[in-house]
């Protein structure tokens, strides 16, 4: 399997980075809320929003891997490489679902 540079092949890297920046700000906000002894339920609400944001980033990355690496390998006719990419994404999805 060939190592490919980067991981955002067909997607919009700038949009993904904006999402991550937003999540980063939310995490800083939760940190501040804990420091300020904010009501627990309000903190949990923000943690839930962060989790949803990370899940969306994960879905976008999986989609990009499928549309990029997996599809390219399948089109190339290299069955071993296509299988290796499918194994990667299956393993990654397993980790995501356990978390």
PDB file of N, CA and C in Angstrom:
ATOM      1  N   UNK A   1       0.854  -1.175   0.000  1.00  0.00           N
ATOM      2  CA  UNK A   1       0.000   0.000   0.000  1.00  0.00           C
ATOM      3  C   UNK A   1       0.896   1.232   0.000  1.00  0.00           C
ATOM      4  N   UNK A   2       0.594   2.170  -0.849  1.00  0.00           N
ATOM      5  CA  UNK A   2       1.416   3.370  -0.925  1.00  0.00           C
ATOM      6  C   UNK A   2       0.986   4.385   0.116  1.00  0.00           C
ATOM      7  N   UNK A   3       1.972   5.058   0.669  1.00  0.00           N
ATOM      8  CA  UNK A   3       1.680   6.129   1.625  1.00  0.00           C
ATOM      9  C   UNK A   3       1.330   7.369   0.822  1.00  0.00           C
ATOM     10  N   UNK A   4       0.212   7.972   1.152  1.00  0.00           N
ATOM     11  CA  UNK A   4      -0.214   9.150   0.421  1.00  0.00           C
ATOM     12  C   UNK A   4      -0.099  10.366   1.321  1.00  0.00           C
ATOM     13  N   UNK A   5       0.338  11.488   0.780  1.00  0.00           N
ATOM     14  CA  UNK A   5       0.484  12.685   1.594  1.00  0.00           C
ATOM     15  C   UNK A   5      -0.878  13.220   2.026  1.00  0.00           C
ATOM     16  N   UNK A   6      -0.957  13.625   3.268  1.00  0.00           N
ATOM     17  CA  UNK A   6      -2.182  14.224   3.765  1.00  0.00           C
ATOM     18  C   UNK A   6      -3.316  13.239   3.896  1.00  0.00           C
ATOM     19  N   UNK A   7      -4.454  13.725   4.281  1.00  0.00           N
ATOM     20  CA  UNK A   7      -5.611  12.856   4.437  1.00  0.00           C
ATOM     21  C   UNK A   7      -6.860  13.471   3.874  1.00  0.00           C
ATOM     22  N   UNK A   8      -6.814  14.697   3.442  1.00  0.00           N
ATOM     23  CA  UNK A   8      -7.990  15.336   2.862  1.00  0.00           C
ATOM     24  C   UNK A   8      -7.748  15.415   1.360  1.00  0.00           C
ATOM     25  N   UNK A   9      -8.221  14.389   0.650  1.00  0.00           N
ATOM     26  CA  UNK A   9      -7.936  14.317  -0.781  1.00  0.00           C
ATOM     27  C   UNK A   9      -9.004  15.008  -1.607  1.00  0.00           C
ATOM     28  N   UNK A  10     -10.251  14.661  -1.377  1.00  0.00           N
ATOM     29  CA  UNK A  10     -11.302  15.235  -2.201  1.00  0.00           C
ATOM     30  C   UNK A  10     -12.169  16.211  -1.429  1.00  0.00           C
ATOM     31  N   UNK A  11     -11.958  16.273  -0.150  1.00  0.00           N
ATOM     32  CA  UNK A  11     -12.789  17.119   0.696  1.00  0.00           C
ATOM     33  C   UNK A  11     -12.264  18.532   0.760  1.00  0.00           C
ATOM     34  N   UNK A  12     -12.898  19.321   1.571  1.00  0.00           N
ATOM     35  CA  UNK A  12     -12.529  20.719   1.737  1.00  0.00           C
ATOM     36  C   UNK A  12     -11.729  20.853   3.030  1.00  0.00           C
ATOM     37  N   UNK A  13     -10.409  20.882   2.901  1.00  0.00           N
ATOM     38  CA  UNK A  13      -9.540  20.950   4.063  1.00  0.00           C
ATOM     39  C   UNK A  13      -9.815  22.205   4.882  1.00  0.00           C
ATOM     40  N   UNK A  14     -10.066  23.330   4.231  1.00  0.00           N
ATOM     41  CA  UNK A  14     -10.319  24.576   4.954  1.00  0.00           C
ATOM     42  C   UNK A  14     -11.570  24.456   5.827  1.00  0.00           C
ATOM     43  N   UNK A  15     -12.615  23.817   5.308  1.00  0.00           N
ATOM     44  CA  UNK A  15     -13.843  23.631   6.088  1.00  0.00           C
ATOM     45  C   UNK A  15     -13.589  22.720   7.280  1.00  0.00           C
ATOM     46  N   UNK A  16     -12.797  21.689   7.072  1.00  0.00           N
ATOM     47  CA  UNK A  16     -12.464  20.777   8.162  1.00  0.00           C
ATOM     48  C   UNK A  16     -11.668  21.505   9.243  1.00  0.00           C
ATOM     49  N   UNK A  17     -10.724  22.316   8.835  1.00  0.00           N
ATOM     50  CA  UNK A  17      -9.934  23.079   9.798  1.00  0.00           C
ATOM     51  C   UNK A  17     -10.797  24.088  10.554  1.00  0.00           C
ATOM     52  N   UNK A  18     -11.780  24.687   9.889  1.00  0.00           N
ATOM     53  CA  UNK A  18     -12.696  25.612  10.581  1.00  0.00           C
ATOM     54  C   UNK A  18     -13.493  24.871  11.648  1.00  0.00           C
ATOM     55  N   UNK A  19     -13.960  23.680  11.312  1.00  0.00           N
ATOM     56  CA  UNK A  19     -14.692  22.868  12.291  1.00  0.00           C
ATOM     57  C   UNK A  19     -13.827  22.569  13.507  1.00  0.00           C
ATOM     58  N   UNK A  20     -12.586  22.169  13.240  1.00  0.00           N
ATOM     59  CA  UNK A  20     -11.674  21.841  14.339  1.00  0.00           C
ATOM     60  C   UNK A  20     -11.368  23.067  15.192  1.00  0.00           C
ATOM     61  N   UNK A  21     -11.258  24.213  14.569  1.00  0.00           N
ATOM     62  CA  UNK A  21     -11.012  25.454  15.312  1.00  0.00           C
ATOM     63  C   UNK A  21     -12.205  25.775  16.226  1.00  0.00           C
ATOM     64  N   UNK A  22     -13.414  25.543  15.700  1.00  0.00           N
ATOM     65  CA  UNK A  22     -14.626  25.768  16.493  1.00  0.00           C
ATOM     66  C   UNK A  22     -14.644  24.828  17.700  1.00  0.00           C
ATOM     67  N   UNK A  23     -14.296  23.563  17.468  1.00  0.00           N
ATOM     68  CA  UNK A  23     -14.263  22.582  18.552  1.00  0.00           C
ATOM     69  C   UNK A  23     -13.211  22.985  19.586  1.00  0.00           C
ATOM     70  N   UNK A  24     -12.078  23.440  19.103  1.00  0.00           N
ATOM     71  CA  UNK A  24     -11.017  23.889  20.006  1.00  0.00           C
ATOM     72  C   UNK A  24     -11.525  25.010  20.915  1.00  0.00           C
ATOM     73  N   UNK A  25     -12.263  25.942  20.345  1.00  0.00           N
ATOM     74  CA  UNK A  25     -12.843  27.030  21.138  1.00  0.00           C
ATOM     75  C   UNK A  25     -13.852  26.518  22.154  1.00  0.00           C
ATOM     76  N   UNK A  26     -14.639  25.523  21.751  1.00  0.00           N
ATOM     77  CA  UNK A  26     -15.607  24.937  22.683  1.00  0.00           C
ATOM     78  C   UNK A  26     -14.899  24.262  23.852  1.00  0.00           C
ATOM     79  N   UNK A  27     -13.800  23.576  23.582  1.00  0.00           N
ATOM     80  CA  UNK A  27     -13.052  22.909  24.652  1.00  0.00           C
ATOM     81  C   UNK A  27     -12.486  23.954  25.606  1.00  0.00           C
ATOM     82  N   UNK A  28     -11.949  25.047  25.080  1.00  0.00           N
ATOM     83  CA  UNK A  28     -11.466  26.126  25.956  1.00  0.00           C
ATOM     84  C   UNK A  28     -12.608  26.692  26.792  1.00  0.00           C
ATOM     85  N   UNK A  29     -13.804  26.787  26.183  1.00  0.00           N
ATOM     86  CA  UNK A  29     -14.960  27.276  26.917  1.00  0.00           C
ATOM     87  C   UNK A  29     -15.349  26.352  28.060  1.00  0.00           C
ATOM     88  N   UNK A  30     -15.289  25.050  27.832  1.00  0.00           N
ATOM     89  CA  UNK A  30     -15.601  24.087  28.894  1.00  0.00           C
ATOM     90  C   UNK A  30     -14.556  24.192  30.001  1.00  0.00           C
ATOM     91  N   UNK A  31     -13.316  24.351  29.629  1.00  0.00           N
ATOM     92  CA  UNK A  31     -12.254  24.517  30.626  1.00  0.00           C
ATOM     93  C   UNK A  31     -12.559  25.719  31.515  1.00  0.00           C
ATOM     94  N   UNK A  32     -12.949  26.810  30.888  1.00  0.00           N
ATOM     95  CA  UNK A  32     -13.276  28.031  31.620  1.00  0.00           C
ATOM     96  C   UNK A  32     -14.506  27.804  32.516  1.00  0.00           C
ATOM     97  N   UNK A  33     -15.492  27.085  31.986  1.00  0.00           N
ATOM     98  CA  UNK A  33     -16.696  26.806  32.772  1.00  0.00           C
ATOM     99  C   UNK A  33     -16.357  26.007  34.029  1.00  0.00           C
ATOM    100  N   UNK A  34     -15.465  25.030  33.898  1.00  0.00           N
ATOM    101  CA  UNK A  34     -15.076  24.229  35.063  1.00  0.00           C
ATOM    102  C   UNK A  34     -14.316  25.095  36.056  1.00  0.00           C
ATOM    103  N   UNK A  35     -13.412  25.937  35.550  1.00  0.00           N
ATOM    104  CA  UNK A  35     -12.676  26.845  36.440  1.00  0.00           C
ATOM    105  C   UNK A  35     -13.620  27.769  37.197  1.00  0.00           C
ATOM    106  N   UNK A  36     -14.687  28.192  36.542  1.00  0.00           N
ATOM    107  CA  UNK A  36     -15.641  29.127  37.148  1.00  0.00           C
ATOM    108  C   UNK A  36     -16.740  28.413  37.924  1.00  0.00           C
ATOM    109  N   UNK A  37     -16.620  27.092  38.061  1.00  0.00           N
ATOM    110  CA  UNK A  37     -17.570  26.279  38.819  1.00  0.00           C
ATOM    111  C   UNK A  37     -18.996  26.427  38.286  1.00  0.00           C
ATOM    112  N   UNK A  38     -19.113  26.359  36.959  1.00  0.00           N
ATOM    113  CA  UNK A  38     -20.412  26.455  36.299  1.00  0.00           C
ATOM    114  C   UNK A  38     -21.238  25.216  36.618  1.00  0.00           C
ATOM    115  N   UNK A  39     -22.536  25.378  36.619  1.00  0.00           N
ATOM    116  CA  UNK A  39     -23.479  24.296  36.904  1.00  0.00           C
ATOM    117  C   UNK A  39     -23.160  23.084  36.023  1.00  0.00           C
ATOM    118  N   UNK A  40     -23.080  21.920  36.652  1.00  0.00           N
ATOM    119  CA  UNK A  40     -22.640  20.681  35.985  1.00  0.00           C
ATOM    120  C   UNK A  40     -23.412  20.383  34.702  1.00  0.00           C
ATOM    121  N   UNK A  41     -24.716  20.554  34.732  1.00  0.00           N
ATOM    122  CA  UNK A  41     -25.535  20.227  33.567  1.00  0.00           C
ATOM    123  C   UNK A  41     -25.188  21.127  32.392  1.00  0.00           C
ATOM    124  N   UNK A  42     -24.873  22.375  32.656  1.00  0.00           N
ATOM    125  CA  UNK A  42     -24.464  23.289  31.578  1.00  0.00           C
ATOM    126  C   UNK A  42     -23.133  22.847  30.959  1.00  0.00           C
ATOM    127  N   UNK A  43     -22.220  22.381  31.796  1.00  0.00           N
ATOM    128  CA  UNK A  43     -20.936  21.880  31.297  1.00  0.00           C
ATOM    129  C   UNK A  43     -21.173  20.632  30.447  1.00  0.00           C
ATOM    130  N   UNK A  44     -22.015  19.733  30.935  1.00  0.00           N
ATOM    131  CA  UNK A  44     -22.313  18.510  30.187  1.00  0.00           C
ATOM    132  C   UNK A  44     -22.952  18.813  28.838  1.00  0.00           C
ATOM    133  N   UNK A  45     -23.772  19.836  28.777  1.00  0.00           N
ATOM    134  CA  UNK A  45     -24.383  20.240  27.513  1.00  0.00           C
ATOM    135  C   UNK A  45     -23.309  20.644  26.511  1.00  0.00           C
ATOM    136  N   UNK A  46     -22.311  21.378  26.976  1.00  0.00           N
ATOM    137  CA  UNK A  46     -21.224  21.800  26.090  1.00  0.00           C
ATOM    138  C   UNK A  46     -20.341  20.618  25.691  1.00  0.00           C
ATOM    139  N   UNK A  47     -20.107  19.690  26.610  1.00  0.00           N
ATOM    140  CA  UNK A  47     -19.335  18.487  26.290  1.00  0.00           C
ATOM    141  C   UNK A  47     -20.051  17.698  25.196  1.00  0.00           C
ATOM    142  N   UNK A  48     -21.364  17.614  25.290  1.00  0.00           N
ATOM    143  CA  UNK A  48     -22.154  16.915  24.279  1.00  0.00           C
ATOM    144  C   UNK A  48     -21.995  17.586  22.911  1.00  0.00           C
ATOM    145  N   UNK A  49     -21.983  18.902  22.883  1.00  0.00           N
ATOM    146  CA  UNK A  49     -21.811  19.638  21.625  1.00  0.00           C
ATOM    147  C   UNK A  49     -20.427  19.362  21.026  1.00  0.00           C
ATOM    148  N   UNK A  50     -19.418  19.292  21.877  1.00  0.00           N
ATOM    149  CA  UNK A  50     -18.058  18.984  21.418  1.00  0.00           C
ATOM    150  C   UNK A  50     -18.020  17.586  20.814  1.00  0.00           C
ATOM    151  N   UNK A  51     -18.653  16.649  21.505  1.00  0.00           N
ATOM    152  CA  UNK A  51     -18.682  15.270  21.020  1.00  0.00           C
ATOM    153  C   UNK A  51     -19.351  15.192  19.643  1.00  0.00           C
ATOM    154  N   UNK A  52     -20.473  15.881  19.469  1.00  0.00           N
ATOM    155  CA  UNK A  52     -21.153  15.888  18.169  1.00  0.00           C
ATOM    156  C   UNK A  52     -20.261  16.493  17.088  1.00  0.00           C
ATOM    157  N   UNK A  53     -19.546  17.546  17.440  1.00  0.00           N
ATOM    158  CA  UNK A  53     -18.640  18.168  16.483  1.00  0.00           C
ATOM    159  C   UNK A  53     -17.523  17.227  16.055  1.00  0.00           C
ATOM    160  N   UNK A  54     -16.950  16.511  17.008  1.00  0.00           N
ATOM    161  CA  UNK A  54     -15.898  15.550  16.691  1.00  0.00           C
ATOM    162  C   UNK A  54     -16.430  14.384  15.869  1.00  0.00           C
ATOM    163  N   UNK A  55     -17.656  13.973  16.161  1.00  0.00           N
ATOM    164  CA  UNK A  55     -18.267  12.901  15.370  1.00  0.00           C
ATOM    165  C   UNK A  55     -18.434  13.336  13.918  1.00  0.00           C
ATOM    166  N   UNK A  56     -18.828  14.577  13.707  1.00  0.00           N
ATOM    167  CA  UNK A  56     -18.992  15.090  12.347  1.00  0.00           C
ATOM    168  C   UNK A  56     -17.641  15.130  11.618  1.00  0.00           C
ATOM    169  N   UNK A  57     -16.602  15.563  12.314  1.00  0.00           N
ATOM    170  CA  UNK A  57     -15.262  15.565  11.724  1.00  0.00           C
ATOM    171  C   UNK A  57     -14.869  14.143  11.346  1.00  0.00           C
ATOM    172  N   UNK A  58     -15.154  13.191  12.229  1.00  0.00           N
ATOM    173  CA  UNK A  58     -14.830  11.790  11.965  1.00  0.00           C
ATOM    174  C   UNK A  58     -15.548  11.283  10.721  1.00  0.00           C
ATOM    175  N   UNK A  59     -16.817  11.589  10.599  1.00  0.00           N
ATOM    176  CA  UNK A  59     -17.590  11.151   9.433  1.00  0.00           C
ATOM    177  C   UNK A  59     -17.011  11.761   8.152  1.00  0.00           C
ATOM    178  N   UNK A  60     -16.654  13.015   8.194  1.00  0.00           N
ATOM    179  CA  UNK A  60     -16.074  13.661   7.015  1.00  0.00           C
ATOM    180  C   UNK A  60     -14.749  13.010   6.629  1.00  0.00           C
ATOM    181  N   UNK A  61     -13.929  12.658   7.610  1.00  0.00           N
ATOM    182  CA  UNK A  61     -12.651  12.018   7.318  1.00  0.00           C
ATOM    183  C   UNK A  61     -12.838  10.610   6.762  1.00  0.00           C
ATOM    184  N   UNK A  62     -13.795   9.867   7.312  1.00  0.00           N
ATOM    185  CA  UNK A  62     -14.077   8.526   6.786  1.00  0.00           C
ATOM    186  C   UNK A  62     -14.570   8.637   5.349  1.00  0.00           C
ATOM    187  N   UNK A  63     -15.488   9.560   5.120  1.00  0.00           N
ATOM    188  CA  UNK A  63     -16.010   9.749   3.764  1.00  0.00           C
ATOM    189  C   UNK A  63     -14.879  10.093   2.801  1.00  0.00           C
ATOM    190  N   UNK A  64     -13.993  10.973   3.222  1.00  0.00           N
ATOM    191  CA  UNK A  64     -12.885  11.372   2.374  1.00  0.00           C
ATOM    192  C   UNK A  64     -11.968  10.184   2.080  1.00  0.00           C
ATOM    193  N   UNK A  65     -11.717   9.358   3.085  1.00  0.00           N
ATOM    194  CA  UNK A  65     -10.863   8.183   2.882  1.00  0.00           C
ATOM    195  C   UNK A  65     -11.518   7.216   1.895  1.00  0.00           C
ATOM    196  N   UNK A  66     -12.825   7.017   2.054  1.00  0.00           N
ATOM    197  CA  UNK A  66     -13.530   6.105   1.144  1.00  0.00           C
ATOM    198  C   UNK A  66     -13.534   6.640  -0.287  1.00  0.00           C
ATOM    199  N   UNK A  67     -13.833   7.926  -0.442  1.00  0.00           N
ATOM    200  CA  UNK A  67     -13.915   8.518  -1.783  1.00  0.00           C
ATOM    201  C   UNK A  67     -12.539   8.716  -2.406  1.00  0.00           C
ATOM    202  N   UNK A  68     -11.525   8.835  -1.566  1.00  0.00           N
ATOM    203  CA  UNK A  68     -10.175   9.051  -2.074  1.00  0.00           C
ATOM    204  C   UNK A  68      -9.391   7.764  -2.138  1.00  0.00           C
ATOM    205  N   UNK A  69      -8.789   7.393  -1.040  1.00  0.00           N
ATOM    206  CA  UNK A  69      -7.861   6.253  -0.998  1.00  0.00           C
ATOM    207  C   UNK A  69      -8.501   4.946  -1.452  1.00  0.00           C
ATOM    208  N   UNK A  70      -9.660   4.612  -0.898  1.00  0.00           N
ATOM    209  CA  UNK A  70     -10.275   3.319  -1.210  1.00  0.00           C
ATOM    210  C   UNK A  70     -10.721   3.281  -2.670  1.00  0.00           C
ATOM    211  N   UNK A  71     -11.408   4.320  -3.115  1.00  0.00           N
ATOM    212  CA  UNK A  71     -11.889   4.345  -4.497  1.00  0.00           C
ATOM    213  C   UNK A  71     -10.738   4.346  -5.498  1.00  0.00           C
ATOM    214  N   UNK A  72      -9.703   5.130  -5.214  1.00  0.00           N
ATOM    215  CA  UNK A  72      -8.542   5.169  -6.109  1.00  0.00           C
ATOM    216  C   UNK A  72      -7.877   3.794  -6.207  1.00  0.00           C
ATOM    217  N   UNK A  73      -7.732   3.125  -5.065  1.00  0.00           N
ATOM    218  CA  UNK A  73      -7.116   1.794  -5.074  1.00  0.00           C
ATOM    219  C   UNK A  73      -7.974   0.798  -5.844  1.00  0.00           C
ATOM    220  N   UNK A  74      -9.292   0.902  -5.663  1.00  0.00           N
ATOM    221  CA  UNK A  74     -10.192  -0.012  -6.377  1.00  0.00           C
ATOM    222  C   UNK A  74     -10.122   0.232  -7.887  1.00  0.00           C
ATOM    223  N   UNK A  75     -10.087   1.491  -8.291  1.00  0.00           N
ATOM    224  CA  UNK A  75     -10.019   1.828  -9.716  1.00  0.00           C
ATOM    225  C   UNK A  75      -8.696   1.405 -10.339  1.00  0.00           C
ATOM    226  N   UNK A  76      -7.644   1.392  -9.536  1.00  0.00           N
ATOM    227  CA  UNK A  76      -6.321   1.044 -10.069  1.00  0.00           C
ATOM    228  C   UNK A  76      -6.204  -0.439 -10.383  1.00  0.00           C
ATOM    229  N   UNK A  77      -7.127  -1.223  -9.832  1.00  0.00           N
ATOM    230  CA  UNK A  77      -7.068  -2.662 -10.061  1.00  0.00           C
ATOM    231  C   UNK A  77      -6.155  -3.389  -9.101  1.00  0.00           C
ATOM    232  N   UNK A  78      -5.548  -2.658  -8.181  1.00  0.00           N
ATOM    233  CA  UNK A  78      -4.654  -3.267  -7.188  1.00  0.00           C
ATOM    234  C   UNK A  78      -5.501  -3.774  -6.025  1.00  0.00           C
ATOM    235  N   UNK A  79      -5.904  -5.031  -6.118  1.00  0.00           N
ATOM    236  CA  UNK A  79      -6.794  -5.607  -5.102  1.00  0.00           C
ATOM    237  C   UNK A  79      -6.175  -5.591  -3.710  1.00  0.00           C
ATOM    238  N   UNK A  80      -4.885  -5.827  -3.621  1.00  0.00           N
ATOM    239  CA  UNK A  80      -4.220  -5.856  -2.312  1.00  0.00           C
ATOM    240  C   UNK A  80      -4.258  -4.475  -1.661  1.00  0.00           C
ATOM    241  N   UNK A  81      -4.007  -3.444  -2.449  1.00  0.00           N
ATOM    242  CA  UNK A  81      -4.030  -2.085  -1.909  1.00  0.00           C
ATOM    243  C   UNK A  81      -5.454  -1.695  -1.514  1.00  0.00           C
ATOM    244  N   UNK A  82      -6.424  -2.022  -2.344  1.00  0.00           N
ATOM    245  CA  UNK A  82      -7.822  -1.718  -2.021  1.00  0.00           C
ATOM    246  C   UNK A  82      -8.229  -2.423  -0.735  1.00  0.00           C
ATOM    247  N   UNK A  83      -7.849  -3.683  -0.601  1.00  0.00           N
ATOM    248  CA  UNK A  83      -8.171  -4.445   0.602  1.00  0.00           C
ATOM    249  C   UNK A  83      -7.502  -3.838   1.828  1.00  0.00           C
ATOM    250  N   UNK A  84      -6.260  -3.406   1.670  1.00  0.00           N
ATOM    251  CA  UNK A  84      -5.547  -2.789   2.794  1.00  0.00           C
ATOM    252  C   UNK A  84      -6.248  -1.502   3.241  1.00  0.00           C
ATOM    253  N   UNK A  85      -6.705  -0.690   2.286  1.00  0.00           N
ATOM    254  CA  UNK A  85      -7.419   0.548   2.634  1.00  0.00           C
ATOM    255  C   UNK A  85      -8.755   0.234   3.303  1.00  0.00           C
ATOM    256  N   UNK A  86      -9.444  -0.782   2.829  1.00  0.00           N
ATOM    257  CA  UNK A  86     -10.712  -1.180   3.464  1.00  0.00           C
ATOM    258  C   UNK A  86     -10.469  -1.661   4.891  1.00  0.00           C
ATOM    259  N   UNK A  87      -9.394  -2.402   5.092  1.00  0.00           N
ATOM    260  CA  UNK A  87      -9.050  -2.856   6.442  1.00  0.00           C
ATOM    261  C   UNK A  87      -8.756  -1.666   7.346  1.00  0.00           C
ATOM    262  N   UNK A  88      -8.037  -0.677   6.827  1.00  0.00           N
ATOM    263  CA  UNK A  88      -7.745   0.535   7.603  1.00  0.00           C
ATOM    264  C   UNK A  88      -9.022   1.225   8.060  1.00  0.00           C
ATOM    265  N   UNK A  89      -9.942   1.424   7.115  1.00  0.00           N
ATOM    266  CA  UNK A  89     -11.162   2.160   7.449  1.00  0.00           C
ATOM    267  C   UNK A  89     -12.043   1.345   8.394  1.00  0.00           C
ATOM    268  N   UNK A  90     -12.064   0.027   8.223  1.00  0.00           N
ATOM    269  CA  UNK A  90     -12.845  -0.820   9.120  1.00  0.00           C
ATOM    270  C   UNK A  90     -12.276  -0.758  10.536  1.00  0.00           C
ATOM    271  N   UNK A  91     -10.965  -0.795  10.654  1.00  0.00           N
ATOM    272  CA  UNK A  91     -10.309  -0.696  11.961  1.00  0.00           C
ATOM    273  C   UNK A  91     -10.595   0.662  12.601  1.00  0.00           C
ATOM    274  N   UNK A  92     -10.492   1.708  11.802  1.00  0.00           N
ATOM    275  CA  UNK A  92     -10.744   3.062  12.306  1.00  0.00           C
ATOM    276  C   UNK A  92     -12.194   3.200  12.780  1.00  0.00           C
ATOM    277  N   UNK A  93     -13.135   2.660  12.007  1.00  0.00           N
ATOM    278  CA  UNK A  93     -14.542   2.717  12.415  1.00  0.00           C
ATOM    279  C   UNK A  93     -14.766   1.936  13.711  1.00  0.00           C
ATOM    280  N   UNK A  94     -14.088   0.809  13.861  1.00  0.00           N
ATOM    281  CA  UNK A  94     -14.196   0.054  15.094  1.00  0.00           C
ATOM    282  C   UNK A  94     -13.741   0.865  16.297  1.00  0.00           C
ATOM    283  N   UNK A  95     -12.636   1.595  16.134  1.00  0.00           N
ATOM    284  CA  UNK A  95     -12.149   2.457  17.231  1.00  0.00           C
ATOM    285  C   UNK A  95     -13.147   3.568  17.532  1.00  0.00           C
ATOM    286  N   UNK A  96     -13.701   4.158  16.475  1.00  0.00           N
ATOM    287  CA  UNK A  96     -14.677   5.241  16.673  1.00  0.00           C
ATOM    288  C   UNK A  96     -15.925   4.750  17.402  1.00  0.00           C
ATOM    289  N   UNK A  97     -16.390   3.582  17.055  1.00  0.00           N
ATOM    290  CA  UNK A  97     -17.609   3.053  17.654  1.00  0.00           C
ATOM    291  C   UNK A  97     -17.403   2.633  19.104  1.00  0.00           C
ATOM    292  N   UNK A  98     -16.180   2.259  19.459  1.00  0.00           N
ATOM    293  CA  UNK A  98     -15.886   1.888  20.852  1.00  0.00           C
ATOM    294  C   UNK A  98     -15.763   3.109  21.749  1.00  0.00           C
ATOM    295  N   UNK A  99     -15.486   4.251  21.172  1.00  0.00           N
ATOM    296  CA  UNK A  99     -15.267   5.436  22.000  1.00  0.00           C
ATOM    297  C   UNK A  99     -16.562   6.082  22.441  1.00  0.00           C
TER     298      UNK A  99
END
